[in-house]
Structure formats: structure tokens, C-alpha cells
Amino acid sequence: MSTPEKCLCGNDDEAGLIERLEEIIITLKEKPGALIPVLQATQSLFGYIPNEAILKISEILNEPLSKIFGVITFYSFFSLKPRGKYLIRVCMGTACYVQGANEVLTALKQQLSIDIGETTEDKIFTLDIGRCFGACGLAPIIMVNDDVHQWIKSSDVAKIIKNYRRQEQPKTTEVL
């Protein structure tokens, strides 16, 4: 299933996104196992899964709220809270931990002034941990969205954060 993009109608407020979500739910409604694809689409559309969306999903799919919340809280991909543009996940599996992932995590907490599960005030970064990313030979690793950073040291953290912050700065154009 392709990932839905934000509403192209210029109406990306909550009401506009709920309307777009309704269209997606109706499209997927008759397919077996529609709940997870609907939740994935919701997460993609909003960046998290808001309560209003959960109510709409329950209503249209005729699924109990308890089942929807159960699925959302079971899978770490889903979030009930808004996340930053960049989700930083630190692998805390055995190989990464032994190679210094805890020091990397501490450096990230200090650089971002947030703790695990929190988002920076500017909504750019969210910090999280994972148990094993399946790349033990590259330990320790962090993932920033889909970007894998390997053999990370705590001294690398400031540069990595700076590179992502630089991407958020408005582009300036010279007028000749």
C-alpha cells in the first residue's frame, strides 16, 4: 500500500486531515485486516494517531476502541503523541549496548534537552530506543527516520544533530 501524502488541497488543518482520513478508511474498509493499513495511513497523514482519528476509525470500521488502542499500543511504529519531524532511535540491543550505545543515548539527551519518548519544543526531534535493529556488526547504531548511522560515538552526536537542524533552516537566495 502506498503511503498517503498530506492533503494537497491546501487544507492541512485537523478537520481537513480527518476528511482525507475518512476517504482512506472507506477505500480500505472492505479489505480483510483493514485496521493496520488504516492506522499506518493515519500515522502517515498526521504524524501520530490523534483521538479524533481513532474515533473516526472505530465508527467507520465498526471496531471497538479497545481493539484499536490495543493495536496502537502493541506496535512501536504507532504513536498517540505528536512526534518530531526526525525520530531518533538508539539501538539498545546487546551488541550496541556493549559498544557504547548508552553513552550515545546520554549525549543525545544532553544535546536535545529531552528524555526518551519526548519531543523537542521546536517539534524537530523525538528520542526513542529500540531493542535490536539487526545490524550488530555496525554497533552502535542510531536511526534517524530511515537513515542508519553506524559505529556512532557520543562525540558524533553534536555533528549529526547539527546536520539535521541545518536541513530545517530556510534556504536563502541571493538577489543579483
N, C-alpha and C. Protein backbone atom coordinates (compact mmCIF):
# COMPACT_ATOMS: atom_id res chain seq x y z
N MET A 1 0.84 -1.17 0.00
CA MET A 1 0.00 0.00 0.00
C MET A 1 0.88 1.23 0.00
N SER A 2 0.59 2.19 -0.82
CA SER A 2 1.38 3.41 -0.85
C SER A 2 1.00 4.28 0.33
N THR A 3 1.96 5.09 0.76
CA THR A 3 1.75 5.96 1.89
C THR A 3 1.04 7.23 1.44
N PRO A 4 -0.07 7.59 2.07
CA PRO A 4 -0.77 8.79 1.65
C PRO A 4 0.02 10.03 2.02
N GLU A 5 -0.06 11.01 1.19
CA GLU A 5 0.62 12.27 1.44
C GLU A 5 -0.35 13.21 2.15
N LYS A 6 0.21 14.26 2.70
CA LYS A 6 -0.64 15.27 3.32
C LYS A 6 -1.60 15.80 2.25
N CYS A 7 -2.74 16.25 2.70
CA CYS A 7 -3.77 16.76 1.82
C CYS A 7 -3.21 17.81 0.89
N LEU A 8 -3.41 17.64 -0.40
CA LEU A 8 -2.89 18.57 -1.39
C LEU A 8 -3.84 19.72 -1.66
N CYS A 9 -4.96 19.73 -0.95
CA CYS A 9 -5.95 20.77 -1.18
C CYS A 9 -5.60 22.07 -0.47
N GLY A 10 -4.45 22.08 0.24
CA GLY A 10 -4.06 23.26 0.98
C GLY A 10 -4.75 23.36 2.33
N ASN A 11 -5.50 22.32 2.70
CA ASN A 11 -6.24 22.32 3.95
C ASN A 11 -5.68 21.23 4.86
N ASP A 12 -4.50 21.51 5.45
CA ASP A 12 -3.85 20.52 6.30
C ASP A 12 -4.19 20.70 7.77
N ASP A 13 -5.27 21.43 8.05
CA ASP A 13 -5.68 21.53 9.44
C ASP A 13 -6.31 20.20 9.84
N GLU A 14 -6.57 20.04 11.12
CA GLU A 14 -7.09 18.77 11.65
C GLU A 14 -8.37 18.33 10.93
N ALA A 15 -9.30 19.25 10.69
CA ALA A 15 -10.57 18.89 10.03
C ALA A 15 -10.32 18.40 8.61
N GLY A 16 -9.43 19.05 7.90
CA GLY A 16 -9.11 18.64 6.53
C GLY A 16 -8.46 17.27 6.51
N LEU A 17 -7.61 17.00 7.50
CA LEU A 17 -6.96 15.69 7.57
C LEU A 17 -7.96 14.60 7.93
N ILE A 18 -8.90 14.91 8.79
CA ILE A 18 -9.94 13.93 9.15
C ILE A 18 -10.77 13.59 7.92
N GLU A 19 -11.11 14.58 7.10
CA GLU A 19 -11.85 14.32 5.86
C GLU A 19 -11.06 13.39 4.95
N ARG A 20 -9.76 13.66 4.81
CA ARG A 20 -8.89 12.82 3.98
C ARG A 20 -8.83 11.41 4.56
N LEU A 21 -8.75 11.31 5.90
CA LEU A 21 -8.71 10.01 6.55
C LEU A 21 -9.99 9.22 6.28
N GLU A 22 -11.13 9.89 6.34
CA GLU A 22 -12.41 9.22 6.05
C GLU A 22 -12.37 8.58 4.67
N GLU A 23 -11.85 9.30 3.67
CA GLU A 23 -11.74 8.75 2.31
C GLU A 23 -10.87 7.50 2.29
N ILE A 24 -9.76 7.55 3.01
CA ILE A 24 -8.84 6.41 3.06
C ILE A 24 -9.52 5.21 3.73
N ILE A 25 -10.18 5.46 4.86
CA ILE A 25 -10.85 4.37 5.58
C ILE A 25 -11.91 3.72 4.69
N ILE A 26 -12.71 4.53 4.02
CA ILE A 26 -13.76 3.99 3.15
C ILE A 26 -13.15 3.16 2.03
N THR A 27 -12.00 3.59 1.50
CA THR A 27 -11.33 2.85 0.43
C THR A 27 -10.84 1.49 0.93
N LEU A 28 -10.36 1.43 2.16
CA LEU A 28 -9.78 0.20 2.70
C LEU A 28 -10.76 -0.67 3.48
N LYS A 29 -11.91 -0.12 3.79
CA LYS A 29 -12.88 -0.73 4.70
C LYS A 29 -13.21 -2.19 4.39
N GLU A 30 -13.42 -2.53 3.15
CA GLU A 30 -13.86 -3.88 2.79
C GLU A 30 -12.74 -4.89 2.69
N LYS A 31 -11.50 -4.45 2.78
CA LYS A 31 -10.37 -5.38 2.68
C LYS A 31 -10.16 -6.08 4.01
N PRO A 32 -9.86 -7.39 3.97
CA PRO A 32 -9.58 -8.11 5.23
C PRO A 32 -8.37 -7.49 5.93
N GLY A 33 -8.44 -7.37 7.24
CA GLY A 33 -7.33 -6.83 8.00
C GLY A 33 -7.09 -5.35 7.75
N ALA A 34 -8.15 -4.60 7.52
CA ALA A 34 -8.02 -3.19 7.15
C ALA A 34 -7.47 -2.31 8.28
N LEU A 35 -7.59 -2.75 9.52
CA LEU A 35 -7.23 -1.88 10.64
C LEU A 35 -5.78 -1.41 10.58
N ILE A 36 -4.84 -2.31 10.39
CA ILE A 36 -3.43 -1.90 10.40
C ILE A 36 -3.12 -0.97 9.23
N PRO A 37 -3.54 -1.26 8.00
CA PRO A 37 -3.28 -0.29 6.93
C PRO A 37 -3.93 1.08 7.19
N VAL A 38 -5.10 1.08 7.81
CA VAL A 38 -5.76 2.35 8.16
C VAL A 38 -4.94 3.09 9.21
N LEU A 39 -4.43 2.38 10.20
CA LEU A 39 -3.61 3.02 11.22
C LEU A 39 -2.29 3.53 10.63
N GLN A 40 -1.71 2.78 9.70
CA GLN A 40 -0.49 3.24 9.04
C GLN A 40 -0.76 4.52 8.25
N ALA A 41 -1.88 4.55 7.55
CA ALA A 41 -2.25 5.74 6.79
C ALA A 41 -2.49 6.92 7.72
N THR A 42 -3.12 6.66 8.85
CA THR A 42 -3.39 7.71 9.84
C THR A 42 -2.08 8.28 10.37
N GLN A 43 -1.17 7.39 10.74
CA GLN A 43 0.14 7.81 11.25
C GLN A 43 0.88 8.65 10.20
N SER A 44 0.81 8.24 8.97
CA SER A 44 1.47 8.97 7.89
C SER A 44 0.83 10.34 7.68
N LEU A 45 -0.45 10.39 7.74
CA LEU A 45 -1.20 11.63 7.48
C LEU A 45 -0.99 12.67 8.58
N PHE A 46 -1.06 12.24 9.85
CA PHE A 46 -1.00 13.17 10.98
C PHE A 46 0.38 13.26 11.61
N GLY A 47 1.20 12.22 11.41
CA GLY A 47 2.47 12.13 12.11
C GLY A 47 2.34 11.40 13.44
N TYR A 48 1.13 11.11 13.83
CA TYR A 48 0.77 10.35 15.02
C TYR A 48 -0.69 9.95 14.85
N ILE A 49 -1.29 9.31 15.86
CA ILE A 49 -2.68 8.91 15.75
C ILE A 49 -3.50 9.65 16.81
N PRO A 50 -4.17 10.73 16.41
CA PRO A 50 -4.94 11.52 17.37
C PRO A 50 -6.25 10.83 17.76
N ASN A 51 -6.77 11.21 18.93
CA ASN A 51 -8.01 10.61 19.43
C ASN A 51 -9.17 10.77 18.45
N GLU A 52 -9.28 11.93 17.83
CA GLU A 52 -10.38 12.14 16.88
C GLU A 52 -10.31 11.13 15.73
N ALA A 53 -9.11 10.82 15.29
CA ALA A 53 -8.94 9.83 14.21
C ALA A 53 -9.33 8.44 14.70
N ILE A 54 -8.98 8.11 15.93
CA ILE A 54 -9.33 6.80 16.48
C ILE A 54 -10.85 6.64 16.53
N LEU A 55 -11.53 7.68 16.96
CA LEU A 55 -13.00 7.63 16.99
C LEU A 55 -13.58 7.44 15.60
N LYS A 56 -13.02 8.13 14.61
CA LYS A 56 -13.50 8.01 13.23
C LYS A 56 -13.23 6.60 12.70
N ILE A 57 -12.07 6.05 12.99
CA ILE A 57 -11.72 4.68 12.56
C ILE A 57 -12.69 3.69 13.19
N SER A 58 -12.95 3.84 14.47
CA SER A 58 -13.87 2.95 15.17
C SER A 58 -15.26 3.00 14.55
N GLU A 59 -15.71 4.20 14.26
CA GLU A 59 -17.05 4.41 13.69
C GLU A 59 -17.17 3.77 12.30
N ILE A 60 -16.22 4.04 11.43
CA ILE A 60 -16.34 3.57 10.04
C ILE A 60 -16.03 2.09 9.91
N LEU A 61 -15.00 1.60 10.61
CA LEU A 61 -14.65 0.18 10.52
C LEU A 61 -15.49 -0.69 11.45
N ASN A 62 -16.28 -0.04 12.32
CA ASN A 62 -17.10 -0.76 13.29
C ASN A 62 -16.23 -1.67 14.16
N GLU A 63 -15.12 -1.11 14.63
CA GLU A 63 -14.21 -1.83 15.52
C GLU A 63 -14.27 -1.19 16.90
N PRO A 64 -14.20 -1.98 17.96
CA PRO A 64 -14.22 -1.40 19.30
C PRO A 64 -12.95 -0.59 19.57
N LEU A 65 -13.12 0.47 20.35
CA LEU A 65 -11.98 1.33 20.70
C LEU A 65 -10.88 0.52 21.38
N SER A 66 -11.26 -0.45 22.20
CA SER A 66 -10.27 -1.25 22.92
C SER A 66 -9.37 -2.01 21.95
N LYS A 67 -9.92 -2.51 20.87
CA LYS A 67 -9.12 -3.24 19.87
C LYS A 67 -8.16 -2.28 19.18
N ILE A 68 -8.66 -1.10 18.81
CA ILE A 68 -7.82 -0.11 18.12
C ILE A 68 -6.67 0.33 19.03
N PHE A 69 -6.97 0.66 20.28
CA PHE A 69 -5.92 1.06 21.22
C PHE A 69 -4.95 -0.08 21.47
N GLY A 70 -5.45 -1.31 21.51
CA GLY A 70 -4.59 -2.47 21.70
C GLY A 70 -3.57 -2.60 20.58
N VAL A 71 -4.01 -2.41 19.34
CA VAL A 71 -3.10 -2.50 18.19
C VAL A 71 -2.10 -1.34 18.22
N ILE A 72 -2.58 -0.14 18.49
CA ILE A 72 -1.71 1.04 18.51
C ILE A 72 -0.61 0.89 19.57
N THR A 73 -0.99 0.44 20.74
CA THR A 73 0.00 0.35 21.83
C THR A 73 0.89 -0.89 21.71
N PHE A 74 0.49 -1.88 20.94
CA PHE A 74 1.31 -3.07 20.75
C PHE A 74 2.49 -2.79 19.82
N TYR A 75 2.25 -2.07 18.74
CA TYR A 75 3.28 -1.82 17.73
C TYR A 75 3.98 -0.49 18.02
N SER A 76 5.31 -0.53 18.11
CA SER A 76 6.08 0.68 18.44
C SER A 76 6.06 1.72 17.31
N PHE A 77 5.70 1.31 16.11
CA PHE A 77 5.63 2.27 14.99
C PHE A 77 4.57 3.33 15.25
N PHE A 78 3.49 2.94 15.91
CA PHE A 78 2.37 3.86 16.13
C PHE A 78 2.62 4.72 17.36
N SER A 79 2.15 5.96 17.29
CA SER A 79 2.30 6.88 18.41
C SER A 79 0.99 7.62 18.66
N LEU A 80 0.65 7.77 19.93
CA LEU A 80 -0.53 8.54 20.31
C LEU A 80 -0.19 10.00 20.58
N LYS A 81 1.08 10.32 20.56
CA LYS A 81 1.54 11.69 20.79
C LYS A 81 2.24 12.19 19.53
N PRO A 82 2.12 13.49 19.25
CA PRO A 82 2.85 14.04 18.10
C PRO A 82 4.35 13.80 18.25
N ARG A 83 4.98 13.46 17.17
CA ARG A 83 6.42 13.24 17.15
C ARG A 83 7.07 14.36 16.34
N GLY A 84 8.36 14.48 16.56
CA GLY A 84 9.13 15.45 15.79
C GLY A 84 9.29 14.99 14.35
N LYS A 85 9.76 15.88 13.52
CA LYS A 85 9.99 15.54 12.11
C LYS A 85 10.99 14.40 12.00
N TYR A 86 11.98 14.39 12.90
CA TYR A 86 13.00 13.35 12.89
C TYR A 86 12.88 12.49 14.14
N LEU A 87 12.59 11.22 13.95
CA LEU A 87 12.53 10.26 15.04
C LEU A 87 13.90 9.62 15.16
N ILE A 88 14.58 9.89 16.26
CA ILE A 88 15.90 9.31 16.51
C ILE A 88 15.72 8.11 17.41
N ARG A 89 16.13 6.95 16.90
CA ARG A 89 16.03 5.71 17.69
C ARG A 89 17.44 5.17 17.92
N VAL A 90 17.76 4.91 19.15
CA VAL A 90 19.05 4.36 19.54
C VAL A 90 18.87 2.87 19.77
N CYS A 91 19.66 2.06 19.10
CA CYS A 91 19.61 0.62 19.32
C CYS A 91 20.23 0.32 20.68
N MET A 92 19.49 -0.38 21.52
CA MET A 92 19.99 -0.76 22.83
C MET A 92 20.11 -2.28 22.94
N GLY A 93 20.21 -2.95 21.79
CA GLY A 93 20.46 -4.39 21.80
C GLY A 93 21.82 -4.66 22.41
N THR A 94 22.11 -5.91 22.70
CA THR A 94 23.33 -6.27 23.41
C THR A 94 24.59 -5.76 22.73
N ALA A 95 24.75 -6.00 21.45
CA ALA A 95 25.97 -5.57 20.75
C ALA A 95 26.13 -4.05 20.79
N CYS A 96 25.04 -3.33 20.55
CA CYS A 96 25.12 -1.86 20.57
C CYS A 96 25.40 -1.36 21.98
N TYR A 97 24.76 -1.97 22.96
CA TYR A 97 24.96 -1.55 24.34
C TYR A 97 26.42 -1.74 24.75
N VAL A 98 26.97 -2.92 24.44
CA VAL A 98 28.36 -3.21 24.79
C VAL A 98 29.32 -2.25 24.09
N GLN A 99 28.96 -1.81 22.88
CA GLN A 99 29.83 -0.92 22.11
C GLN A 99 29.62 0.56 22.44
N GLY A 100 28.76 0.88 23.42
CA GLY A 100 28.65 2.26 23.87
C GLY A 100 27.35 2.98 23.55
N ALA A 101 26.30 2.25 23.23
CA ALA A 101 25.02 2.90 22.89
C ALA A 101 24.48 3.75 24.04
N ASN A 102 24.72 3.33 25.28
CA ASN A 102 24.22 4.10 26.41
C ASN A 102 24.87 5.49 26.47
N GLU A 103 26.15 5.56 26.14
CA GLU A 103 26.84 6.85 26.11
C GLU A 103 26.29 7.72 24.97
N VAL A 104 25.98 7.09 23.85
CA VAL A 104 25.38 7.82 22.72
C VAL A 104 24.01 8.35 23.13
N LEU A 105 23.23 7.53 23.80
CA LEU A 105 21.91 7.95 24.26
C LEU A 105 22.03 9.12 25.23
N THR A 106 22.97 9.05 26.15
CA THR A 106 23.19 10.15 27.10
C THR A 106 23.55 11.44 26.36
N ALA A 107 24.42 11.34 25.35
CA ALA A 107 24.81 12.51 24.57
C ALA A 107 23.61 13.10 23.82
N LEU A 108 22.75 12.24 23.28
CA LEU A 108 21.55 12.71 22.58
C LEU A 108 20.62 13.43 23.55
N LYS A 109 20.42 12.87 24.73
CA LYS A 109 19.57 13.52 25.73
C LYS A 109 20.10 14.90 26.07
N GLN A 110 21.43 15.00 26.22
CA GLN A 110 22.03 16.29 26.56
C GLN A 110 21.92 17.28 25.40
N GLN A 111 22.23 16.85 24.19
CA GLN A 111 22.18 17.73 23.02
C GLN A 111 20.77 18.25 22.76
N LEU A 112 19.79 17.38 22.94
CA LEU A 112 18.40 17.73 22.61
C LEU A 112 17.61 18.26 23.81
N SER A 113 18.15 18.10 25.00
CA SER A 113 17.47 18.50 26.24
C SER A 113 16.10 17.82 26.39
N ILE A 114 16.06 16.55 26.02
CA ILE A 114 14.84 15.75 26.18
C ILE A 114 15.22 14.37 26.68
N ASP A 115 14.22 13.62 27.10
CA ASP A 115 14.43 12.25 27.56
C ASP A 115 13.78 11.30 26.55
N ILE A 116 13.92 10.03 26.78
CA ILE A 116 13.33 9.01 25.91
C ILE A 116 11.82 9.22 25.85
N GLY A 117 11.27 9.19 24.64
CA GLY A 117 9.83 9.35 24.45
C GLY A 117 9.39 10.80 24.34
N GLU A 118 10.31 11.73 24.47
CA GLU A 118 9.95 13.15 24.40
C GLU A 118 10.32 13.75 23.06
N THR A 119 9.71 14.91 22.80
CA THR A 119 9.93 15.65 21.56
C THR A 119 10.45 17.03 21.91
N THR A 120 11.39 17.53 21.12
CA THR A 120 11.92 18.87 21.37
C THR A 120 10.81 19.91 21.20
N GLU A 121 10.97 21.04 21.86
CA GLU A 121 9.94 22.09 21.81
C GLU A 121 9.66 22.56 20.39
N ASP A 122 10.69 22.56 19.54
CA ASP A 122 10.52 23.01 18.16
C ASP A 122 9.92 21.93 17.25
N LYS A 123 9.59 20.78 17.83
CA LYS A 123 8.96 19.66 17.13
C LYS A 123 9.84 19.08 16.00
N ILE A 124 11.15 19.24 16.14
CA ILE A 124 12.04 18.70 15.11
C ILE A 124 12.50 17.29 15.45
N PHE A 125 12.78 17.01 16.73
CA PHE A 125 13.33 15.71 17.11
C PHE A 125 12.48 15.02 18.18
N THR A 126 12.35 13.70 18.04
CA THR A 126 11.79 12.84 19.08
C THR A 126 12.83 11.78 19.35
N LEU A 127 13.06 11.46 20.61
CA LEU A 127 14.07 10.48 21.00
C LEU A 127 13.41 9.21 21.49
N ASP A 128 13.90 8.07 21.00
CA ASP A 128 13.34 6.78 21.38
C ASP A 128 14.46 5.75 21.39
N ILE A 129 14.17 4.57 21.88
CA ILE A 129 15.13 3.47 21.85
C ILE A 129 14.50 2.27 21.17
N GLY A 130 15.33 1.37 20.70
CA GLY A 130 14.89 0.11 20.11
C GLY A 130 15.70 -1.01 20.72
N ARG A 131 15.21 -2.21 20.59
CA ARG A 131 15.88 -3.35 21.22
C ARG A 131 16.91 -4.02 20.33
N CYS A 132 16.71 -4.08 19.06
CA CYS A 132 17.72 -4.63 18.15
C CYS A 132 17.32 -4.27 16.74
N PHE A 133 18.24 -3.66 16.00
CA PHE A 133 17.94 -3.26 14.62
C PHE A 133 18.51 -4.25 13.62
N GLY A 134 19.11 -5.32 14.10
CA GLY A 134 19.62 -6.37 13.21
C GLY A 134 20.87 -5.98 12.45
N ALA A 135 21.66 -5.08 13.00
CA ALA A 135 22.89 -4.65 12.34
C ALA A 135 24.02 -4.65 13.36
N CYS A 136 24.16 -5.75 14.06
CA CYS A 136 25.09 -5.83 15.19
C CYS A 136 26.54 -5.56 14.79
N GLY A 137 26.91 -5.90 13.58
CA GLY A 137 28.28 -5.65 13.11
C GLY A 137 28.59 -4.18 12.92
N LEU A 138 27.56 -3.32 12.96
CA LEU A 138 27.75 -1.87 12.77
C LEU A 138 27.60 -1.11 14.09
N ALA A 139 27.57 -1.85 15.19
CA ALA A 139 27.26 -1.28 16.51
C ALA A 139 28.31 -0.27 16.97
N PRO A 140 27.82 0.72 17.71
CA PRO A 140 26.42 1.04 17.98
C PRO A 140 25.82 1.84 16.82
N ILE A 141 24.51 1.69 16.65
CA ILE A 141 23.83 2.42 15.58
C ILE A 141 22.66 3.22 16.13
N ILE A 142 22.35 4.27 15.40
CA ILE A 142 21.12 5.01 15.63
C ILE A 142 20.44 5.14 14.28
N MET A 143 19.13 5.28 14.33
CA MET A 143 18.36 5.55 13.12
C MET A 143 17.68 6.89 13.30
N VAL A 144 17.78 7.71 12.27
CA VAL A 144 17.06 8.98 12.24
C VAL A 144 16.09 8.83 11.08
N ASN A 145 14.82 8.63 11.42
CA ASN A 145 13.80 8.19 10.47
C ASN A 145 14.33 6.93 9.80
N ASP A 146 14.60 6.95 8.50
CA ASP A 146 15.09 5.75 7.81
C ASP A 146 16.60 5.75 7.60
N ASP A 147 17.29 6.81 8.05
CA ASP A 147 18.74 6.90 7.89
C ASP A 147 19.43 6.14 9.00
N VAL A 148 20.34 5.23 8.63
CA VAL A 148 21.09 4.46 9.61
C VAL A 148 22.47 5.10 9.77
N HIS A 149 22.81 5.39 11.02
CA HIS A 149 24.14 5.92 11.34
C HIS A 149 24.87 4.83 12.13
N GLN A 150 26.00 4.39 11.61
CA GLN A 150 26.70 3.25 12.18
C GLN A 150 27.98 3.65 12.91
N TRP A 151 28.43 2.79 13.79
CA TRP A 151 29.66 2.98 14.57
C TRP A 151 29.68 4.36 15.24
N ILE A 152 28.57 4.75 15.82
CA ILE A 152 28.42 6.07 16.42
C ILE A 152 29.14 6.13 17.77
N LYS A 153 29.77 7.27 17.99
CA LYS A 153 30.37 7.56 19.30
C LYS A 153 29.61 8.76 19.86
N SER A 154 29.67 8.92 21.16
CA SER A 154 28.98 10.06 21.76
C SER A 154 29.50 11.38 21.20
N SER A 155 30.76 11.40 20.79
CA SER A 155 31.33 12.63 20.20
C SER A 155 30.77 12.94 18.81
N ASP A 156 30.09 11.98 18.17
CA ASP A 156 29.49 12.19 16.84
C ASP A 156 28.12 12.86 16.92
N VAL A 157 27.51 12.81 18.09
CA VAL A 157 26.11 13.22 18.24
C VAL A 157 25.88 14.68 17.85
N ALA A 158 26.71 15.58 18.32
CA ALA A 158 26.52 17.01 18.03
C ALA A 158 26.52 17.28 16.53
N LYS A 159 27.42 16.64 15.81
CA LYS A 159 27.51 16.84 14.35
C LYS A 159 26.26 16.29 13.65
N ILE A 160 25.80 15.14 14.08
CA ILE A 160 24.61 14.53 13.47
C ILE A 160 23.40 15.45 13.68
N ILE A 161 23.21 15.92 14.90
CA ILE A 161 22.08 16.81 15.21
C ILE A 161 22.20 18.09 14.38
N LYS A 162 23.40 18.64 14.31
CA LYS A 162 23.63 19.87 13.55
C LYS A 162 23.26 19.68 12.07
N ASN A 163 23.61 18.54 11.49
CA ASN A 163 23.27 18.28 10.09
C ASN A 163 21.76 18.24 9.85
N TYR A 164 21.02 17.63 10.77
CA TYR A 164 19.56 17.60 10.60
C TYR A 164 18.95 18.97 10.87
N ARG A 165 19.48 19.71 11.81
CA ARG A 165 18.97 21.08 12.07
C ARG A 165 19.22 21.97 10.85
N ARG A 166 20.36 21.79 10.22
CA ARG A 166 20.70 22.59 9.04
C ARG A 166 19.65 22.38 7.93
N GLN A 167 19.12 21.17 7.82
CA GLN A 167 18.11 20.88 6.81
C GLN A 167 16.81 21.64 7.09
N GLU A 168 16.61 22.06 8.33
CA GLU A 168 15.38 22.75 8.72
C GLU A 168 15.45 24.26 8.52
N GLN A 169 16.65 24.76 8.28
CA GLN A 169 16.78 26.20 8.10
C GLN A 169 16.30 26.60 6.72
N PRO A 170 15.60 27.74 6.63
CA PRO A 170 15.10 28.17 5.33
C PRO A 170 16.25 28.45 4.37
N LYS A 171 16.03 28.10 3.15
CA LYS A 171 17.02 28.34 2.10
C LYS A 171 17.02 29.83 1.76
N THR A 172 18.18 30.40 1.68
CA THR A 172 18.27 31.80 1.29
C THR A 172 18.69 31.89 -0.17
N THR A 173 18.16 32.85 -0.84
CA THR A 173 18.52 33.06 -2.24
C THR A 173 19.12 34.44 -2.39
N GLU A 174 20.15 34.51 -3.18
CA GLU A 174 20.78 35.81 -3.43
C GLU A 174 20.04 36.52 -4.54
N VAL A 175 19.85 37.79 -4.33
CA VAL A 175 19.24 38.62 -5.35
C VAL A 175 20.35 39.40 -6.03
N LEU A 176 20.46 39.24 -7.33
CA LEU A 176 21.51 39.91 -8.07
C LEU A 176 21.04 41.23 -8.63
